[in-house]
Amino acid sequence: MVLVITFSRCEYVKSYIAELLSDNWLLKSKLA
């Protein structure tokens, strides 16, 4: 059970970081 929670949390963090990176990329492309 704990493993499942940890895994889902890890997946959530990964998707969150991916969104942050894509947002930063969009901002940079707009500024460029």
N, C-alpha and C. Protein backbone atom coordinates (compact mmCIF):
# COMPACT_ATOMS: atom_id res chain seq x y z
N MET A 1 0.83 -1.20 0.00
CA MET A 1 0.00 0.00 0.00
C MET A 1 0.87 1.26 0.00
N VAL A 2 1.86 1.26 0.87
CA VAL A 2 2.76 2.41 0.93
C VAL A 2 3.50 2.58 -0.39
N LEU A 3 3.88 1.46 -0.99
CA LEU A 3 4.59 1.52 -2.27
C LEU A 3 3.74 2.19 -3.33
N VAL A 4 2.46 1.86 -3.36
CA VAL A 4 1.56 2.43 -4.36
C VAL A 4 1.45 3.94 -4.17
N ILE A 5 1.32 4.36 -2.91
CA ILE A 5 1.20 5.80 -2.63
C ILE A 5 2.49 6.52 -3.05
N THR A 6 3.63 5.91 -2.71
CA THR A 6 4.91 6.52 -3.07
C THR A 6 5.06 6.61 -4.59
N PHE A 7 4.63 5.56 -5.29
CA PHE A 7 4.76 5.53 -6.74
C PHE A 7 3.88 6.61 -7.38
N SER A 8 2.63 6.70 -6.92
CA SER A 8 1.72 7.70 -7.50
C SER A 8 2.23 9.11 -7.20
N ARG A 9 2.80 9.28 -6.03
CA ARG A 9 3.35 10.59 -5.69
C ARG A 9 4.52 10.92 -6.60
N CYS A 10 5.36 9.94 -6.86
CA CYS A 10 6.51 10.13 -7.75
C CYS A 10 6.02 10.50 -9.15
N GLU A 11 5.00 9.81 -9.63
CA GLU A 11 4.44 10.11 -10.96
C GLU A 11 3.88 11.52 -10.98
N TYR A 12 3.24 11.92 -9.89
CA TYR A 12 2.66 13.26 -9.82
C TYR A 12 3.75 14.31 -9.88
N VAL A 13 4.82 14.08 -9.14
CA VAL A 13 5.94 15.03 -9.14
C VAL A 13 6.57 15.12 -10.52
N LYS A 14 6.70 13.97 -11.18
CA LYS A 14 7.30 13.97 -12.53
C LYS A 14 6.45 14.76 -13.52
N SER A 15 5.14 14.57 -13.46
CA SER A 15 4.26 15.30 -14.38
C SER A 15 4.26 16.78 -14.04
N TYR A 16 4.36 17.10 -12.74
CA TYR A 16 4.39 18.49 -12.31
C TYR A 16 5.65 19.18 -12.83
N ILE A 17 6.78 18.51 -12.70
CA ILE A 17 8.05 19.06 -13.20
C ILE A 17 8.00 19.21 -14.72
N ALA A 18 7.42 18.22 -15.39
CA ALA A 18 7.32 18.29 -16.85
C ALA A 18 6.48 19.49 -17.27
N GLU A 19 5.40 19.77 -16.53
CA GLU A 19 4.57 20.93 -16.85
C GLU A 19 5.34 22.22 -16.62
N LEU A 20 6.10 22.27 -15.52
CA LEU A 20 6.90 23.46 -15.24
C LEU A 20 7.90 23.69 -16.37
N LEU A 21 8.57 22.63 -16.81
CA LEU A 21 9.57 22.75 -17.87
C LEU A 21 8.92 23.21 -19.16
N SER A 22 7.77 22.65 -19.51
CA SER A 22 7.11 23.04 -20.75
C SER A 22 6.61 24.48 -20.66
N ASP A 23 6.16 24.90 -19.46
CA ASP A 23 5.74 26.28 -19.28
C ASP A 23 6.93 27.22 -19.48
N ASN A 24 8.06 26.87 -18.89
CA ASN A 24 9.26 27.69 -19.04
C ASN A 24 9.68 27.76 -20.51
N TRP A 25 9.56 26.64 -21.21
CA TRP A 25 9.93 26.60 -22.62
C TRP A 25 9.00 27.51 -23.43
N LEU A 26 7.70 27.48 -23.11
CA LEU A 26 6.74 28.34 -23.81
C LEU A 26 7.06 29.81 -23.55
N LEU A 27 7.37 30.13 -22.30
CA LEU A 27 7.70 31.52 -21.97
C LEU A 27 8.95 31.97 -22.73
N LYS A 28 9.95 31.11 -22.77
CA LYS A 28 11.19 31.46 -23.46
C LYS A 28 10.94 31.64 -24.95
N SER A 29 10.13 30.78 -25.54
CA SER A 29 9.87 30.88 -26.98
C SER A 29 9.06 32.14 -27.27
N LYS A 30 8.20 32.55 -26.34
CA LYS A 30 7.44 33.79 -26.54
C LYS A 30 8.36 35.00 -26.44
N LEU A 31 9.29 34.96 -25.49
CA LEU A 31 10.20 36.09 -25.29
C LEU A 31 11.21 36.17 -26.43
N ALA A 32 11.61 35.03 -26.95
CA ALA A 32 12.64 35.01 -27.99
C ALA A 32 12.16 35.69 -29.26
